[in-house]
Amino acid sequence: MGNNQGLDKVNINAYLKDGVSEISHFGKEEGFFPLETNSYGFYRDTDNSIWFGTVNGLVHYNALPGSQHKNKNFTYIESIKIDYTDTTLTDKVVLPYYCNNLSFNFISIDFINPNKVTYSYKLTGLTNEWSPFTTQRYASFPKLSPGKYSFDVRSRNNEGVISTTTAPFLFTIRPPFWRTWWFYTLSALLITLTVYVLVRRRVKFIRQKSLMKQQIVESELKALRSQINPHFLFNSLNSIQAFILRNQKEEANKYLAQFARLIRQILNHSRAEQITLQDEISLLENYIGMELLRFEGKFTYKLDVDAGVNISTAIINPMIIQPFVENAIIHGLTQDNDVGLLTISFKQHDGKLACIIDDDGIGIEASMQNKKEKIKHNAVGMEVTRERISALNRMSTEKILLEVEDRKNIDGTSGTRVKLFFPMLLRLKKEIKKINE
C-alpha cells in the first residue's frame, strides 16, 4: 500500500488466520526514497523485488522476506577529547593524572539504514556493564581516577544485529606522585624518622628536665644545710646557754623562740618552689635579729621596700637571699671594729624585682685575706647559692641575675654590694594561701 510517506506492507494471511494486523512501514529511514508512489504503479520482479512508480521516477526496492539487513556494521572511534579538546591519542597511551576528563565520539558505517543505528559502550576499569542502546554517538567520563582502562563501543542496526569495534581503546591514567608507592614508602620512612627524632628529643628533654630538677633538689638540700650549719646552731645554742647561766630568762626565752621560729621557716621554705616576699622578709628579720643578739653592738640594719612592691603578692625563690645576708654579717660587718650598717632594699627595676644587699664592712678583698677557716663555710654557702641560681635559670626562660661588687670600686668606700634581680612574678592571695598550707 503506497502513500505520501512511503509504503506499508500488510500481512493478510496473519490477519485472516489470527486477526492480528502485521504492518511493516518502509520509508526514508528504511532506504525507500522518494516517498510518494503513483496509484497502481508497481511490478513484482522474478526475484521477488518490486518496482514502484513514484512522483520522481521508477524505484527498485527489495523488502521481501530473506532480504533483511543481516550484515554487521563496522563501528569505530571517530575522535577522543581531553577536557573537551580534540587530541590524537594512540592506543595504550599513558596520561598524567590531571588529564582525566575524557570523551569519545564514535560512528557506525551502515549504507542501508544509517539513521536507525543505535550504540552501546562500556569503560572497563570503571564498570563492566554495557550502557543501554541509544542513538547518542558520544560518551563522556569526567574526573577518572588513576588506573588502567579499556573503552569498547558496539552498534546495532535496524534489524537488531549487533557489531563491535575491531579493537578496544586502551589507556592508563598515571597517579600523581603523592599517590605512588615510592611516595608512600618515602612518607612512611619520613614519618617514622620524624617520630623517632621527636621521641628521642622528648626523652632527652625529660631526662634533662629530670636532671635539672634533681640538681635543684640537691641545691636546695645544700642550701638547707648551709643555712642550718653546725656553726650557726652551735653559736645559737651557746648564746641561749649564756643567757640561762646569767639568769637572763626573758632574753633566753626570746632568743629560743626566735631560734625555733627561724628553723621552722627555713624548713618550710625548703619544701616550697616559690614563696612570697613577705615570707622572705620575715625570715630575714628573724635571722638578722638572732645575729644582732649574738653580735651585740657590732652592726645595725635597715630594710626598705619600695612603695611599688606589694610584698604579699610578689613571689621569689627561697634560700637565695639569706646566704648573701649571712656573708655580709659574718665576713663583712663583724670583722670591722666600727659599728656597721646592713641595708637591704627591694624595688622594681626594668621589669624585675631587685634586692640590693649593702654593707659597709671590710669589703671583698680584705675578707678574702682572712684565715681560710673563717671563710670556709661562707665559700661553700656562696658556691651552693650560685649553683642553685644556675639550676633555676636552666629550668626557666625568666632568669635570676646576680651581681657582686666591691664598694671600693664604686664610690671608694669600704664594703660589699650584692644585687639580685628576680623575675617580677605575682600570685593571687588564694594561691599563696594554698602554697603556705
Protein backbone atom coordinates (compact mmCIF):
# COMPACT_ATOMS: atom_id res chain seq x y z
CA MET A 1 0.00 0.00 0.00
CA GLY A 2 1.54 3.29 -1.11
CA ASN A 3 1.06 6.70 0.48
CA ASN A 4 2.86 10.02 0.63
CA GLN A 5 5.12 8.73 3.49
CA GLY A 6 6.33 5.58 1.66
CA LEU A 7 4.96 2.04 1.66
CA ASP A 8 3.06 -0.06 4.20
CA LYS A 9 3.21 -3.84 3.92
CA VAL A 10 0.16 -5.66 5.38
CA ASN A 11 0.32 -9.37 6.22
CA ILE A 12 -3.16 -10.51 5.00
CA ASN A 13 -2.61 -14.17 5.91
CA ALA A 14 -1.82 -13.37 9.56
CA TYR A 15 -4.89 -11.13 9.72
CA LEU A 16 -7.21 -13.76 8.22
CA LYS A 17 -5.79 -16.54 10.40
CA ASP A 18 -5.33 -14.88 13.80
CA GLY A 19 -6.91 -11.47 13.37
CA VAL A 20 -3.53 -9.83 14.03
CA SER A 21 -2.61 -6.78 11.98
CA GLU A 22 1.06 -7.00 10.93
CA ILE A 23 2.04 -3.80 9.18
CA SER A 24 5.63 -3.04 8.15
CA HIS A 25 6.49 0.52 7.11
CA PHE A 26 9.11 1.36 4.51
CA GLY A 27 10.07 4.99 4.38
CA LYS A 28 13.09 7.19 4.00
CA GLU A 29 14.86 5.71 7.01
CA GLU A 30 14.35 2.20 5.58
CA GLY A 31 16.02 3.25 2.30
CA PHE A 32 12.82 3.90 0.31
CA PHE A 33 13.10 7.25 -1.47
CA PRO A 34 11.29 9.17 -2.88
CA LEU A 35 8.37 8.58 -0.54
CA GLU A 36 5.21 9.22 -2.61
CA THR A 37 4.20 6.46 -5.08
CA ASN A 38 1.78 6.52 -8.04
CA SER A 39 -1.51 4.62 -7.94
CA TYR A 40 -1.24 1.11 -9.42
CA GLY A 41 2.38 1.88 -10.36
CA PHE A 42 4.17 -1.24 -9.15
CA TYR A 43 5.54 -4.51 -10.58
CA ARG A 44 6.90 -7.66 -8.82
CA ASP A 45 10.02 -9.00 -10.47
CA THR A 46 11.10 -12.66 -10.71
CA ASP A 47 13.47 -12.24 -7.66
CA ASN A 48 10.51 -11.04 -5.55
CA SER A 49 11.79 -7.48 -5.61
CA ILE A 50 9.29 -4.76 -6.52
CA TRP A 51 9.41 -1.88 -8.97
CA PHE A 52 7.50 1.24 -7.99
CA GLY A 53 6.46 4.21 -9.95
CA THR A 54 6.92 7.37 -7.86
CA VAL A 55 6.42 11.04 -8.41
CA ASN A 56 10.14 11.28 -9.17
CA GLY A 57 10.58 8.21 -11.31
CA LEU A 58 11.00 4.44 -11.14
CA VAL A 59 12.31 2.83 -7.92
CA HIS A 60 13.54 -0.75 -7.48
CA TYR A 61 13.19 -1.91 -3.85
CA ASN A 62 13.62 -5.31 -2.19
CA ALA A 63 11.80 -5.58 1.16
CA LEU A 64 10.57 -9.13 0.98
CA PRO A 65 11.48 -11.94 3.46
CA GLY A 66 15.04 -13.14 3.05
CA SER A 67 16.26 -9.69 2.10
CA GLN A 68 16.61 -8.27 5.67
CA HIS A 69 19.72 -6.38 6.77
CA LYS A 70 21.80 -9.23 8.31
CA ASN A 71 25.30 -7.78 7.89
CA LYS A 72 27.18 -6.43 10.95
CA ASN A 73 28.08 -2.80 10.78
CA PHE A 74 31.66 -1.60 11.13
CA THR A 75 31.91 0.60 14.22
CA TYR A 76 34.95 2.70 15.07
CA ILE A 77 36.06 5.52 17.41
CA GLU A 78 35.96 8.75 15.44
CA SER A 79 37.75 11.08 17.91
CA ILE A 80 38.91 11.38 21.53
CA LYS A 81 38.83 14.60 23.55
CA ILE A 82 40.59 15.58 26.77
CA ASP A 83 38.91 18.44 28.64
CA TYR A 84 36.71 18.92 25.55
CA THR A 85 39.76 19.49 23.32
CA ASP A 86 40.48 17.23 20.34
CA THR A 87 43.58 15.07 20.66
CA THR A 88 45.45 12.48 18.63
CA LEU A 89 45.96 9.73 21.15
CA THR A 90 47.40 6.36 20.30
CA ASP A 91 46.32 3.06 21.78
CA LYS A 92 47.82 2.18 25.20
CA VAL A 93 48.65 5.80 25.87
CA VAL A 94 49.70 6.82 29.40
CA LEU A 95 48.15 10.09 30.58
CA PRO A 96 49.10 12.30 33.55
CA TYR A 97 46.65 12.43 36.48
CA TYR A 98 45.25 15.85 35.51
CA CYS A 99 44.20 14.61 32.01
CA ASN A 100 41.28 12.67 33.44
CA ASN A 101 38.26 14.25 31.68
CA LEU A 102 37.83 12.14 28.53
CA SER A 103 35.09 11.96 25.90
CA PHE A 104 34.80 9.59 22.93
CA ASN A 105 32.98 10.19 19.62
CA PHE A 106 32.12 7.09 17.58
CA ILE A 107 30.23 6.14 14.42
CA SER A 108 28.99 3.05 12.58
CA ILE A 109 29.02 2.57 8.80
CA ASP A 110 25.59 1.45 7.58
CA PHE A 111 24.64 2.06 3.94
CA ILE A 112 21.14 0.59 4.22
CA ASN A 113 19.55 2.35 7.21
CA PRO A 114 22.12 4.62 8.99
CA ASN A 115 19.52 6.63 10.90
CA LYS A 116 18.27 3.51 12.70
CA VAL A 117 21.68 2.61 14.13
CA THR A 118 21.97 2.66 17.95
CA TYR A 119 25.08 2.47 20.16
CA SER A 120 26.15 0.96 23.45
CA TYR A 121 29.51 1.33 25.22
CA LYS A 122 31.40 0.43 28.39
CA LEU A 123 34.60 1.60 30.09
CA THR A 124 36.29 -1.39 31.70
CA GLY A 125 38.10 -0.22 34.78
CA LEU A 126 35.15 1.98 35.70
CA THR A 127 32.35 -0.52 35.07
CA ASN A 128 31.84 -3.90 33.43
CA GLU A 129 28.26 -3.14 32.37
CA TRP A 130 27.29 -2.08 28.84
CA SER A 131 25.26 1.10 28.59
CA PRO A 132 21.72 0.94 27.11
CA PHE A 133 21.48 1.30 23.30
CA THR A 134 20.79 4.88 22.24
CA THR A 135 21.33 6.99 19.11
CA GLN A 136 23.87 9.12 21.04
CA ARG A 137 27.24 8.93 19.31
CA TYR A 138 29.47 10.12 22.14
CA ALA A 139 30.38 9.15 25.71
CA SER A 140 31.93 11.39 28.40
CA PHE A 141 33.86 10.31 31.50
CA PRO A 142 34.76 13.20 33.83
CA LYS A 143 37.27 13.02 36.68
CA LEU A 144 38.52 9.49 36.11
CA SER A 145 40.63 8.06 38.90
CA PRO A 146 44.18 6.87 38.16
CA GLY A 147 44.26 3.35 36.74
CA LYS A 148 44.05 1.22 33.60
CA TYR A 149 41.00 1.48 31.32
CA SER A 150 39.61 -0.10 28.16
CA PHE A 151 36.90 1.67 26.14
CA ASP A 152 34.62 -0.52 23.98
CA VAL A 153 31.70 0.52 21.76
CA ARG A 154 29.21 -1.54 19.75
CA SER A 155 26.36 -0.72 17.38
CA ARG A 156 23.04 -2.27 16.45
CA ASN A 157 21.32 -1.85 13.05
CA ASN A 158 17.62 -1.58 12.37
CA GLU A 159 17.29 -5.37 12.30
CA GLY A 160 18.88 -5.75 15.77
CA VAL A 161 22.20 -7.10 14.51
CA ILE A 162 24.96 -6.06 16.98
CA SER A 163 28.53 -5.32 15.93
CA THR A 164 31.66 -4.40 17.91
CA THR A 165 34.77 -2.35 17.25
CA THR A 166 37.73 -4.03 15.64
CA ALA A 167 39.76 -3.46 18.87
CA PRO A 168 39.15 -1.67 22.20
CA PHE A 169 41.00 1.55 23.02
CA LEU A 170 43.36 1.02 25.96
CA PHE A 171 44.74 3.86 28.07
CA THR A 172 46.23 4.43 31.52
CA ILE A 173 45.94 7.44 33.81
CA ARG A 174 49.08 7.80 35.87
CA PRO A 175 48.54 8.70 39.56
CA PRO A 176 50.06 11.91 40.98
CA PHE A 177 53.42 11.45 42.64
CA TRP A 178 51.85 11.73 46.10
CA ARG A 179 49.74 8.64 45.36
CA THR A 180 52.57 6.43 44.15
CA TRP A 181 54.06 3.54 46.09
CA TRP A 182 57.50 5.17 46.32
CA PHE A 183 55.96 8.35 47.77
CA TYR A 184 54.03 6.28 50.35
CA THR A 185 57.22 4.42 51.22
CA LEU A 186 59.23 7.65 51.49
CA SER A 187 56.48 9.30 53.55
CA ALA A 188 56.30 6.32 55.90
CA LEU A 189 60.07 6.40 56.34
CA LEU A 190 60.00 10.16 56.88
CA ILE A 191 57.15 9.92 59.41
CA THR A 192 58.94 7.08 61.21
CA LEU A 193 62.16 9.09 61.27
CA THR A 194 60.32 12.20 62.47
CA VAL A 195 58.56 10.27 65.23
CA TYR A 196 61.86 8.66 66.20
CA VAL A 197 63.62 12.04 66.35
CA LEU A 198 60.75 13.64 68.29
CA VAL A 199 60.64 10.74 70.74
CA ARG A 200 64.41 10.92 71.17
CA ARG A 201 64.22 14.67 71.71
CA ARG A 202 61.33 14.25 74.12
CA VAL A 203 63.17 11.56 76.08
CA LYS A 204 66.27 13.73 76.10
CA PHE A 205 64.23 16.73 77.24
CA ILE A 206 62.57 14.70 80.01
CA ARG A 207 65.94 13.37 81.14
CA GLN A 208 67.45 16.86 81.11
CA LYS A 209 64.46 18.24 82.96
CA SER A 210 64.65 15.40 85.48
CA LEU A 211 68.37 16.03 85.87
CA MET A 212 67.79 19.74 86.37
CA LYS A 213 65.08 19.03 88.93
CA GLN A 214 67.46 16.68 90.68
CA GLN A 215 70.11 19.38 90.63
CA ILE A 216 67.62 21.87 92.06
CA VAL A 217 66.65 19.43 94.80
CA GLU A 218 70.31 18.82 95.56
CA SER A 219 70.97 22.56 95.59
CA GLU A 220 68.00 23.04 97.92
CA LEU A 221 69.40 20.40 100.28
CA LYS A 222 72.82 22.01 100.12
CA ALA A 223 71.25 25.42 100.72
CA LEU A 224 69.30 24.00 103.64
CA ARG A 225 72.49 22.51 105.09
CA SER A 226 74.32 25.79 104.57
CA GLN A 227 71.56 27.73 106.33
CA ILE A 228 71.30 25.27 109.22
CA ASN A 229 75.04 24.80 109.55
CA PRO A 230 76.71 23.39 112.67
CA HIS A 231 78.48 26.67 113.44
CA PHE A 232 75.24 28.61 113.40
CA LEU A 233 73.42 26.03 115.52
CA PHE A 234 76.33 25.75 117.96
CA ASN A 235 76.67 29.52 118.34
CA SER A 236 72.92 29.99 118.73
CA LEU A 237 72.65 27.29 121.39
CA ASN A 238 75.71 28.77 123.14
CA SER A 239 74.04 32.16 123.21
CA ILE A 240 70.90 30.62 124.71
CA GLN A 241 73.05 28.79 127.28
CA ALA A 242 74.81 32.03 128.18
CA PHE A 243 71.50 33.79 128.80
CA ILE A 244 70.40 30.90 131.03
CA LEU A 245 73.66 30.88 133.00
CA ARG A 246 73.40 34.62 133.56
CA ASN A 247 69.81 34.05 134.70
CA GLN A 248 68.52 36.23 131.88
CA LYS A 249 65.33 34.24 131.47
CA GLU A 250 63.46 36.75 129.30
CA GLU A 251 66.37 37.11 126.89
CA ALA A 252 66.87 33.32 126.80
CA ASN A 253 63.16 32.76 126.18
CA LYS A 254 63.08 35.43 123.48
CA TYR A 255 66.18 34.07 121.76
CA LEU A 256 64.91 30.48 121.97
CA ALA A 257 61.51 31.43 120.47
CA GLN A 258 63.20 33.38 117.69
CA PHE A 259 65.57 30.47 117.03
CA ALA A 260 62.68 27.96 116.84
CA ARG A 261 60.70 30.26 114.52
CA LEU A 262 63.72 30.68 112.22
CA ILE A 263 64.34 26.92 111.99
CA ARG A 264 60.67 26.32 111.20
CA GLN A 265 60.73 29.00 108.48
CA ILE A 266 63.86 27.53 106.93
CA LEU A 267 62.32 24.04 106.86
CA ASN A 268 59.02 25.34 105.42
CA HIS A 269 60.78 27.35 102.71
CA SER A 270 62.93 24.38 101.75
CA ARG A 271 59.78 22.50 100.66
CA ALA A 272 58.39 25.36 98.52
CA GLU A 273 59.44 26.25 94.99
CA GLN A 274 58.36 29.86 95.49
CA ILE A 275 57.39 31.99 98.46
CA THR A 276 56.03 35.49 98.90
CA LEU A 277 58.39 38.37 99.50
CA GLN A 278 56.60 38.89 102.80
CA ASP A 279 57.66 35.41 103.99
CA GLU A 280 61.24 36.01 102.83
CA ILE A 281 61.43 39.33 104.68
CA SER A 282 60.07 37.66 107.83
CA LEU A 283 62.81 35.00 107.64
CA LEU A 284 65.50 37.65 107.08
CA GLU A 285 64.30 39.70 110.05
CA ASN A 286 64.35 36.62 112.32
CA TYR A 287 67.83 35.68 111.15
CA ILE A 288 69.24 39.22 111.48
CA GLY A 289 67.58 39.53 114.89
CA MET A 290 69.40 36.43 116.12
CA GLU A 291 72.70 37.69 114.73
CA LEU A 292 72.11 41.05 116.49
CA LEU A 293 71.73 39.17 119.77
CA ARG A 294 74.84 37.18 119.00
CA PHE A 295 76.95 40.15 117.82
CA GLU A 296 75.53 42.77 120.14
CA GLY A 297 76.69 46.27 119.24
CA LYS A 298 78.55 45.16 116.11
CA PHE A 299 76.07 46.38 113.49
CA THR A 300 72.63 47.74 112.84
CA TYR A 301 70.37 47.10 109.87
CA LYS A 302 67.78 48.83 107.74
CA LEU A 303 65.21 47.16 105.49
CA ASP A 304 63.49 49.24 102.78
CA VAL A 305 60.68 48.16 100.48
CA ASP A 306 59.73 50.42 97.58
CA ALA A 307 56.11 51.61 97.52
CA GLY A 308 55.60 49.94 94.13
CA VAL A 309 56.34 46.48 95.52
CA ASN A 310 53.48 44.52 97.08
CA ILE A 311 55.20 42.09 99.45
CA SER A 312 52.05 40.00 99.89
CA THR A 313 51.70 39.14 96.18
CA ALA A 314 55.26 39.33 94.85
CA ILE A 315 56.90 35.89 94.82
CA ILE A 316 60.55 34.79 94.69
CA ASN A 317 62.62 31.63 95.00
CA PRO A 318 63.55 30.78 98.60
CA MET A 319 67.00 30.18 100.12
CA ILE A 320 68.81 32.65 97.86
CA ILE A 321 68.94 35.99 99.69
CA GLN A 322 69.80 34.73 103.21
CA PRO A 323 73.27 33.32 102.33
CA PHE A 324 74.33 36.76 100.99
CA VAL A 325 72.99 38.46 104.11
CA GLU A 326 74.89 35.97 106.25
CA ASN A 327 78.06 36.65 104.25
CA ALA A 328 77.66 40.42 104.76
CA ILE A 329 77.28 39.98 108.53
CA ILE A 330 79.84 37.28 109.30
CA HIS A 331 82.62 38.26 106.91
CA GLY A 332 81.98 41.93 106.45
CA LEU A 333 80.36 43.81 109.30
CA THR A 334 81.63 41.78 112.28
CA GLN A 335 85.23 41.94 111.05
CA ASP A 336 85.33 45.73 111.48
CA ASN A 337 85.88 47.50 114.79
CA ASP A 338 83.29 50.14 113.99
CA VAL A 339 79.55 49.65 114.20
CA GLY A 340 78.49 48.64 110.72
CA LEU A 341 75.30 49.18 108.78
CA LEU A 342 73.49 46.50 106.78
CA THR A 343 70.95 47.80 104.27
CA ILE A 344 68.53 45.50 102.43
CA SER A 345 66.23 47.13 99.89
CA PHE A 346 63.60 45.80 97.47
CA LYS A 347 62.39 47.72 94.44
CA GLN A 348 61.27 47.32 90.84
CA HIS A 349 63.95 47.62 88.18
CA ASP A 350 63.46 47.06 84.42
CA GLY A 351 60.53 44.70 84.97
CA LYS A 352 62.32 42.69 87.65
CA LEU A 353 62.29 42.64 91.44
CA ALA A 354 65.65 43.94 92.61
CA CYS A 355 67.11 43.00 96.01
CA ILE A 356 70.17 45.05 96.99
CA ILE A 357 72.25 43.92 99.99
CA ASP A 358 74.63 46.70 101.00
CA ASP A 359 77.14 46.60 103.89
CA ASP A 360 79.92 48.96 104.96
CA GLY A 361 82.17 46.19 106.27
CA ILE A 362 85.75 45.40 105.34
CA GLY A 363 84.98 44.62 101.68
CA ILE A 364 85.69 41.67 99.41
CA GLU A 365 89.48 41.98 99.15
CA ALA A 366 90.04 42.29 102.91
CA SER A 367 87.59 39.45 103.60
CA MET A 368 89.50 37.16 101.22
CA GLN A 369 92.72 37.83 103.14
CA ASN A 370 91.28 36.42 106.36
CA LYS A 371 92.12 32.97 107.51
CA LYS A 372 90.72 30.10 105.42
CA GLU A 373 88.91 28.51 108.33
CA LYS A 374 86.95 31.71 108.78
CA ILE A 375 85.68 31.78 105.22
CA LYS A 376 85.38 28.07 104.54
CA HIS A 377 81.68 27.80 105.36
CA ASN A 378 80.85 31.02 103.56
CA ALA A 379 82.69 29.87 100.45
CA VAL A 380 80.63 26.68 100.41
CA GLY A 381 77.39 28.58 101.05
CA MET A 382 78.06 31.08 98.27
CA GLU A 383 79.00 28.31 95.85
CA VAL A 384 75.79 26.39 96.67
CA THR A 385 73.70 29.52 96.13
CA ARG A 386 75.34 30.21 92.75
CA GLU A 387 74.69 26.59 91.72
CA ARG A 388 71.06 26.93 92.77
CA ILE A 389 70.63 30.12 90.73
CA SER A 390 72.23 28.41 87.72
CA ALA A 391 69.93 25.37 88.05
CA LEU A 392 66.82 27.55 88.35
CA ASN A 393 67.85 29.58 85.29
CA ARG A 394 68.14 26.39 83.22
CA MET A 395 64.56 25.50 84.12
CA SER A 396 63.03 28.85 83.17
CA THR A 397 63.18 31.48 80.46
CA GLU A 398 62.96 34.15 83.16
CA LYS A 399 66.46 34.35 84.61
CA ILE A 400 67.72 35.32 88.06
CA LEU A 401 70.64 37.74 87.75
CA LEU A 402 73.43 38.14 90.31
CA GLU A 403 75.95 40.97 90.63
CA VAL A 404 78.58 41.24 93.41
CA GLU A 405 80.60 44.46 93.63
CA ASP A 406 83.24 45.84 95.97
CA ARG A 407 82.12 49.31 97.06
CA LYS A 408 85.73 50.39 96.88
CA ASN A 409 85.40 50.24 93.10
CA ILE A 410 82.06 52.10 93.13
CA ASP A 411 82.43 55.09 95.44
CA GLY A 412 85.75 54.48 97.14
CA THR A 413 84.21 53.38 100.45
CA SER A 414 84.64 50.01 102.12
CA GLY A 415 82.03 47.29 101.97
CA THR A 416 80.25 44.99 99.55
CA ARG A 417 77.15 45.40 97.41
CA VAL A 418 75.18 42.39 96.18
CA LYS A 419 72.42 42.82 93.61
CA LEU A 420 69.86 40.08 92.92
CA PHE A 421 67.28 40.50 90.17
CA PHE A 422 64.28 38.15 90.31
CA PRO A 423 61.55 37.79 87.65
CA MET A 424 58.66 40.06 88.59
CA LEU A 425 56.08 37.38 89.35
CA LEU A 426 52.77 37.98 91.06
CA ARG A 427 50.39 35.45 92.52
CA LEU A 428 46.85 35.71 93.81
CA LYS A 429 46.38 35.62 97.58
CA LYS A 430 44.32 32.40 97.30
CA GLU A 431 47.19 30.62 95.59
CA ILE A 432 49.67 31.92 98.15
CA LYS A 433 47.48 30.67 101.00
CA LYS A 434 47.24 27.26 99.34
CA ILE A 435 51.06 27.06 98.97
CA ASN A 436 51.65 28.07 102.57
CA GLU A 437 49.22 25.41 103.74
